[in-house]
Amino acid sequence: MKVLNLRCENEHGFEGWFTSEEDYQGQLQRGLLTCPLCASATITRLPSAPRLNISGAQRGAADAPSAAAPPAQPEQASHHAALHSALQAAVREVMARTEDVGPRFPEEARRIHYGEAEARGIRGQASPEEREALRDEGIEVYALPVPLGPDGHTH
């Protein structure tokens, strides 16, 4: 089993588990790899170093130097898990309290801002350029890594 460090175009890091290098390459080429946070299919592999545990059992115990991977830092792993859990909770809260307007997000945000539509929390898709244009108009928007459903919309 190969465990690879991966990253999407939005800089979200995650692990992928594959049976072989060929399995990884095949899934990547067929577009089966997506970011678990934002569903981006633009994935890159990050460099990683294998862990080597070399013991004196391979040579005589008297003359054998040993090397081992640095000890795991449980507080770091625990902190990462807590952050991931908090992000998931925040995303669930946003999803529960907002209306999904999909690709109409920029248009609907403007309608709400200019009083042409009922004021309410909305979510949807907007390009970086569209978000910047909304900010230029004084409309607060935030990019949030929300997973997309099979139809390409948040649920």
Protein backbone atom coordinates (compact mmCIF):
# COMPACT_ATOMS: atom_id res chain seq x y z
CA MET A 1 0.00 0.00 0.00
CA LYS A 2 1.35 3.42 -0.98
CA VAL A 3 0.29 6.47 1.01
CA LEU A 4 0.87 9.67 -0.95
CA ASN A 5 0.66 13.29 0.13
CA LEU A 6 -1.53 15.14 -2.37
CA ARG A 7 -2.67 18.74 -2.86
CA CYS A 8 -5.39 20.31 -4.99
CA GLU A 9 -5.19 23.55 -6.95
CA ASN A 10 -6.75 25.35 -3.95
CA GLU A 11 -3.84 24.30 -1.70
CA HIS A 12 -5.87 21.74 0.31
CA GLY A 13 -3.55 18.94 1.43
CA PHE A 14 -4.74 15.36 1.89
CA GLU A 15 -3.54 11.76 1.74
CA GLY A 16 -4.30 9.19 -0.93
CA TRP A 17 -3.91 5.44 -0.45
CA PHE A 18 -3.09 3.37 -3.52
CA THR A 19 -2.14 -0.23 -4.20
CA SER A 20 0.71 0.86 -6.48
CA GLU A 21 2.21 3.75 -8.44
CA GLU A 22 0.26 2.50 -11.46
CA ASP A 23 -2.97 2.63 -9.44
CA TYR A 24 -2.27 6.27 -8.51
CA GLN A 25 -1.38 7.24 -12.10
CA GLY A 26 -4.43 5.45 -13.49
CA GLN A 27 -6.84 7.14 -11.10
CA LEU A 28 -5.22 10.52 -11.77
CA GLN A 29 -5.45 10.11 -15.56
CA ARG A 30 -9.10 8.97 -15.40
CA GLY A 31 -10.05 11.98 -13.25
CA LEU A 32 -11.04 9.82 -10.28
CA LEU A 33 -8.95 11.76 -7.76
CA THR A 34 -10.70 14.76 -6.24
CA CYS A 35 -10.05 16.95 -3.23
CA PRO A 36 -12.21 15.88 -0.27
CA LEU A 37 -12.76 19.53 0.69
CA CYS A 38 -13.54 21.31 -2.59
CA ALA A 39 -13.90 18.47 -5.14
CA SER A 40 -11.19 19.91 -7.40
CA ALA A 41 -9.81 17.30 -9.79
CA THR A 42 -6.55 19.23 -10.34
CA ILE A 43 -4.34 17.19 -8.03
CA THR A 44 -0.56 17.23 -7.58
CA ARG A 45 1.62 14.83 -5.67
CA LEU A 46 3.79 16.33 -2.95
CA PRO A 47 7.29 15.07 -2.22
CA SER A 48 7.49 12.65 0.67
CA ALA A 49 10.28 10.77 2.31
CA PRO A 50 9.88 7.10 3.15
CA ARG A 51 10.33 6.08 6.75
CA LEU A 52 13.27 3.76 7.19
CA ASN A 53 13.82 1.69 10.27
CA ILE A 54 17.22 0.04 10.11
CA SER A 55 18.11 -2.21 12.98
CA GLY A 56 21.32 -3.85 14.07
CA ALA A 57 19.75 -7.24 13.34
CA GLN A 58 21.00 -7.01 9.77
CA ARG A 59 24.63 -6.89 10.91
CA GLY A 60 26.43 -7.83 14.07
CA ALA A 61 24.88 -6.03 17.02
CA ALA A 62 28.25 -4.72 18.19
CA ASP A 63 29.17 -2.80 15.03
CA ALA A 64 25.74 -1.90 13.64
CA PRO A 65 24.65 1.73 13.71
CA SER A 66 20.89 2.28 13.88
CA ALA A 67 18.68 4.82 12.29
CA ALA A 68 15.00 5.34 12.86
CA ALA A 69 12.36 7.78 11.77
CA PRO A 70 11.90 10.68 14.15
CA PRO A 71 9.37 9.94 16.86
CA ALA A 72 5.81 10.76 15.99
CA GLN A 73 4.48 13.92 17.56
CA PRO A 74 1.02 13.03 18.80
CA GLU A 75 0.20 16.61 19.76
CA GLN A 76 0.75 17.68 16.14
CA ALA A 77 -1.48 14.89 14.80
CA SER A 78 -4.08 15.68 17.44
CA HIS A 79 -4.00 19.39 16.55
CA HIS A 80 -4.41 18.56 12.84
CA ALA A 81 -7.37 16.27 13.60
CA ALA A 82 -8.98 18.97 15.77
CA LEU A 83 -8.60 21.59 13.02
CA HIS A 84 -10.04 19.21 10.43
CA SER A 85 -12.97 18.44 12.71
CA ALA A 86 -13.59 22.15 13.36
CA LEU A 87 -13.52 22.89 9.62
CA GLN A 88 -16.02 20.12 8.94
CA ALA A 89 -18.30 21.46 11.69
CA ALA A 90 -18.08 24.99 10.27
CA VAL A 91 -18.88 23.76 6.77
CA ARG A 92 -21.91 21.80 8.08
CA GLU A 93 -23.10 24.92 9.91
CA VAL A 94 -22.78 27.08 6.78
CA MET A 95 -24.58 24.45 4.71
CA ALA A 96 -27.42 24.23 7.23
CA ARG A 97 -27.92 28.01 7.48
CA THR A 98 -27.56 29.09 3.85
CA GLU A 99 -29.38 28.59 0.57
CA ASP A 100 -27.49 27.01 -2.32
CA VAL A 101 -27.87 29.27 -5.37
CA GLY A 102 -25.19 27.43 -7.36
CA PRO A 103 -23.62 29.33 -10.25
CA ARG A 104 -26.10 32.20 -9.79
CA PHE A 105 -24.14 33.24 -6.66
CA PRO A 106 -22.66 36.52 -8.01
CA GLU A 107 -26.01 37.62 -9.46
CA GLU A 108 -27.97 36.70 -6.32
CA ALA A 109 -25.41 38.34 -4.00
CA ARG A 110 -25.82 41.59 -5.96
CA ARG A 111 -29.62 41.36 -5.86
CA ILE A 112 -29.53 40.95 -2.07
CA HIS A 113 -26.94 43.74 -1.65
CA TYR A 114 -28.97 46.23 -3.72
CA GLY A 115 -32.28 45.31 -2.02
CA GLU A 116 -33.78 43.58 -5.06
CA ALA A 117 -34.10 40.24 -3.24
CA GLU A 118 -34.79 39.11 0.32
CA ALA A 119 -31.78 39.36 2.63
CA ARG A 120 -30.59 35.85 3.49
CA GLY A 121 -27.46 33.76 3.69
CA ILE A 122 -26.51 32.20 0.39
CA ARG A 123 -23.75 29.97 -0.94
CA GLY A 124 -22.74 28.94 -4.43
CA GLN A 125 -19.94 29.05 -6.93
CA ALA A 126 -17.98 32.11 -8.00
CA SER A 127 -14.65 32.43 -9.73
CA PRO A 128 -11.84 34.38 -8.06
CA GLU A 129 -12.51 37.21 -10.51
CA GLU A 130 -16.23 37.26 -9.65
CA ARG A 131 -15.44 37.30 -5.91
CA GLU A 132 -13.05 40.21 -6.41
CA ALA A 133 -15.67 42.13 -8.42
CA LEU A 134 -18.23 41.57 -5.64
CA ARG A 135 -15.75 42.84 -3.04
CA ASP A 136 -15.09 45.92 -5.21
CA GLU A 137 -18.84 46.64 -5.01
CA GLY A 138 -18.73 46.39 -1.22
CA ILE A 139 -20.28 42.92 -1.04
CA GLU A 140 -18.60 40.67 1.52
CA VAL A 141 -17.88 37.19 0.17
CA TYR A 142 -15.72 34.38 1.46
CA ALA A 143 -14.29 31.37 -0.32
CA LEU A 144 -15.05 28.32 1.78
CA PRO A 145 -13.92 24.78 0.89
CA VAL A 146 -17.31 23.10 0.66
CA PRO A 147 -17.50 19.68 -1.02
CA LEU A 148 -19.68 19.51 -4.10
CA GLY A 149 -22.23 16.78 -4.69
CA PRO A 150 -22.35 14.56 -7.78
CA ASP A 151 -24.35 17.23 -9.65
CA GLY A 152 -21.62 19.84 -9.07
CA HIS A 153 -23.59 21.75 -6.42
CA THR A 154 -23.28 21.92 -2.65
CA HIS A 155 -25.97 20.11 -0.66
